């Protein structure tokens, strides 16, 4: 019964993310890589490799809203994408 319940939850990405918190996963992965391969992984290393076109449009929208709120102005999603592209390689 437990296996069937796990399989049902694991079948949806939203459920997977609730089963394994991202911060804990990165911490565990980094420890595993350090012990088994001699190097670790940080969130900054992951962020350095992200590209705007790899991000979910809903996430970009939320980031745009946060940026607008912090800046005290109404930026469009395009402006957020443009500003993000300035700092990326692609």
C-alpha atoms as a PDB file:
ATOM      1  CA  UNK A   1       0.000   0.000   0.000  1.00  0.00           C
ATOM      2  CA  UNK A   2       2.783   2.450   0.886  1.00  0.00           C
ATOM      3  CA  UNK A   3       4.539   1.826  -2.440  1.00  0.00           C
ATOM      4  CA  UNK A   4       1.331   2.467  -4.385  1.00  0.00           C
ATOM      5  CA  UNK A   5       0.752   5.704  -2.467  1.00  0.00           C
ATOM      6  CA  UNK A   6       4.330   6.816  -3.128  1.00  0.00           C
ATOM      7  CA  UNK A   7       4.061   5.958  -6.836  1.00  0.00           C
ATOM      8  CA  UNK A   8       0.845   7.964  -7.107  1.00  0.00           C
ATOM      9  CA  UNK A   9       2.426  11.029  -5.474  1.00  0.00           C
ATOM     10  CA  UNK A  10       5.684  10.652  -7.407  1.00  0.00           C
ATOM     11  CA  UNK A  11       3.881  10.601 -10.763  1.00  0.00           C
ATOM     12  CA  UNK A  12       3.167  14.371 -10.606  1.00  0.00           C
ATOM     13  CA  UNK A  13       6.034  16.875 -10.622  1.00  0.00           C
ATOM     14  CA  UNK A  14       4.200  19.094  -8.121  1.00  0.00           C
ATOM     15  CA  UNK A  15       4.063  16.196  -5.684  1.00  0.00           C
ATOM     16  CA  UNK A  16       7.721  15.324  -6.251  1.00  0.00           C
ATOM     17  CA  UNK A  17       8.706  18.839  -5.290  1.00  0.00           C
ATOM     18  CA  UNK A  18       6.665  18.601  -2.095  1.00  0.00           C
ATOM     19  CA  UNK A  19       8.234  15.241  -1.201  1.00  0.00           C
ATOM     20  CA  UNK A  20      11.819  16.461  -1.636  1.00  0.00           C
ATOM     21  CA  UNK A  21      12.411  20.117  -0.697  1.00  0.00           C
ATOM     22  CA  UNK A  22      14.797  21.735  -3.181  1.00  0.00           C
ATOM     23  CA  UNK A  23      17.178  23.157  -0.592  1.00  0.00           C
ATOM     24  CA  UNK A  24      17.564  19.785   1.111  1.00  0.00           C
ATOM     25  CA  UNK A  25      18.024  18.028  -2.250  1.00  0.00           C
ATOM     26  CA  UNK A  26      20.836  20.394  -3.295  1.00  0.00           C
ATOM     27  CA  UNK A  27      22.472  19.991   0.117  1.00  0.00           C
ATOM     28  CA  UNK A  28      22.315  16.182  -0.119  1.00  0.00           C
ATOM     29  CA  UNK A  29      23.513  16.176  -3.728  1.00  0.00           C
ATOM     30  CA  UNK A  30      26.415  18.451  -2.852  1.00  0.00           C
ATOM     31  CA  UNK A  31      27.437  16.177   0.022  1.00  0.00           C
ATOM     32  CA  UNK A  32      27.182  13.112  -2.218  1.00  0.00           C
ATOM     33  CA  UNK A  33      29.296  14.759  -4.918  1.00  0.00           C
ATOM     34  CA  UNK A  34      31.892  15.877  -2.353  1.00  0.00           C
ATOM     35  CA  UNK A  35      32.225  12.407  -0.825  1.00  0.00           C
ATOM     36  CA  UNK A  36      32.161  10.475  -4.103  1.00  0.00           C
ATOM     37  CA  UNK A  37      33.697  12.858  -6.633  1.00  0.00           C
ATOM     38  CA  UNK A  38      35.746  15.374  -4.650  1.00  0.00           C
ATOM     39  CA  UNK A  39      33.722  18.479  -5.513  1.00  0.00           C
ATOM     40  CA  UNK A  40      30.593  20.120  -4.196  1.00  0.00           C
ATOM     41  CA  UNK A  41      27.709  21.980  -5.761  1.00  0.00           C
ATOM     42  CA  UNK A  42      26.275  25.285  -4.610  1.00  0.00           C
ATOM     43  CA  UNK A  43      23.101  27.156  -5.449  1.00  0.00           C
ATOM     44  CA  UNK A  44      25.262  29.919  -6.940  1.00  0.00           C
ATOM     45  CA  UNK A  45      26.902  27.408  -9.277  1.00  0.00           C
ATOM     46  CA  UNK A  46      23.454  26.276 -10.415  1.00  0.00           C
ATOM     47  CA  UNK A  47      22.202  29.846 -10.839  1.00  0.00           C
ATOM     48  CA  UNK A  48      25.268  30.762 -12.884  1.00  0.00           C
ATOM     49  CA  UNK A  49      24.305  28.078 -15.404  1.00  0.00           C
ATOM     50  CA  UNK A  50      20.605  28.996 -15.726  1.00  0.00           C
ATOM     51  CA  UNK A  51      19.425  30.804 -18.832  1.00  0.00           C
ATOM     52  CA  UNK A  52      16.255  32.857 -19.119  1.00  0.00           C
ATOM     53  CA  UNK A  53      14.864  30.646 -21.869  1.00  0.00           C
ATOM     54  CA  UNK A  54      15.115  27.656 -19.503  1.00  0.00           C
ATOM     55  CA  UNK A  55      12.866  29.227 -16.865  1.00  0.00           C
ATOM     56  CA  UNK A  56       9.163  28.590 -16.581  1.00  0.00           C
ATOM     57  CA  UNK A  57       7.067  31.541 -17.841  1.00  0.00           C
ATOM     58  CA  UNK A  58       5.112  31.563 -14.569  1.00  0.00           C
ATOM     59  CA  UNK A  59       8.351  31.962 -12.619  1.00  0.00           C
ATOM     60  CA  UNK A  60       9.395  34.837 -14.895  1.00  0.00           C
ATOM     61  CA  UNK A  61       6.052  36.499 -14.257  1.00  0.00           C
ATOM     62  CA  UNK A  62       6.467  36.236 -10.482  1.00  0.00           C
ATOM     63  CA  UNK A  63      10.032  37.540 -10.699  1.00  0.00           C
ATOM     64  CA  UNK A  64       8.769  40.441 -12.807  1.00  0.00           C
ATOM     65  CA  UNK A  65       6.156  41.287 -10.212  1.00  0.00           C
ATOM     66  CA  UNK A  66       8.731  41.145  -7.412  1.00  0.00           C
ATOM     67  CA  UNK A  67      11.127  43.330  -9.379  1.00  0.00           C
ATOM     68  CA  UNK A  68       8.349  45.830 -10.097  1.00  0.00           C
ATOM     69  CA  UNK A  69       7.343  45.934  -6.454  1.00  0.00           C
ATOM     70  CA  UNK A  70      10.928  46.457  -5.292  1.00  0.00           C
ATOM     71  CA  UNK A  71      11.607  49.118  -7.921  1.00  0.00           C
ATOM     72  CA  UNK A  72       8.327  50.882  -7.229  1.00  0.00           C
ATOM     73  CA  UNK A  73       7.481  50.905 -10.910  1.00  0.00           C
ATOM     74  CA  UNK A  74       5.453  48.839 -13.324  1.00  0.00           C
ATOM     75  CA  UNK A  75       7.871  46.871 -15.496  1.00  0.00           C
ATOM     76  CA  UNK A  76       6.653  44.622 -18.231  1.00  0.00           C
ATOM     77  CA  UNK A  77       7.657  40.962 -18.404  1.00  0.00           C
ATOM     78  CA  UNK A  78       9.712  41.833 -21.486  1.00  0.00           C
ATOM     79  CA  UNK A  79      11.759  44.321 -19.505  1.00  0.00           C
ATOM     80  CA  UNK A  80      12.544  41.683 -16.885  1.00  0.00           C
ATOM     81  CA  UNK A  81      13.611  39.239 -19.579  1.00  0.00           C
ATOM     82  CA  UNK A  82      15.748  41.933 -21.216  1.00  0.00           C
ATOM     83  CA  UNK A  83      17.432  42.836 -17.935  1.00  0.00           C
ATOM     84  CA  UNK A  84      18.032  39.151 -17.166  1.00  0.00           C
ATOM     85  CA  UNK A  85      19.548  38.588 -20.614  1.00  0.00           C
ATOM     86  CA  UNK A  86      22.043  41.387 -20.072  1.00  0.00           C
ATOM     87  CA  UNK A  87      23.693  39.323 -17.341  1.00  0.00           C
ATOM     88  CA  UNK A  88      23.563  35.994 -19.198  1.00  0.00           C
ATOM     89  CA  UNK A  89      25.535  34.441 -21.999  1.00  0.00           C
ATOM     90  CA  UNK A  90      22.581  33.441 -24.066  1.00  0.00           C
END
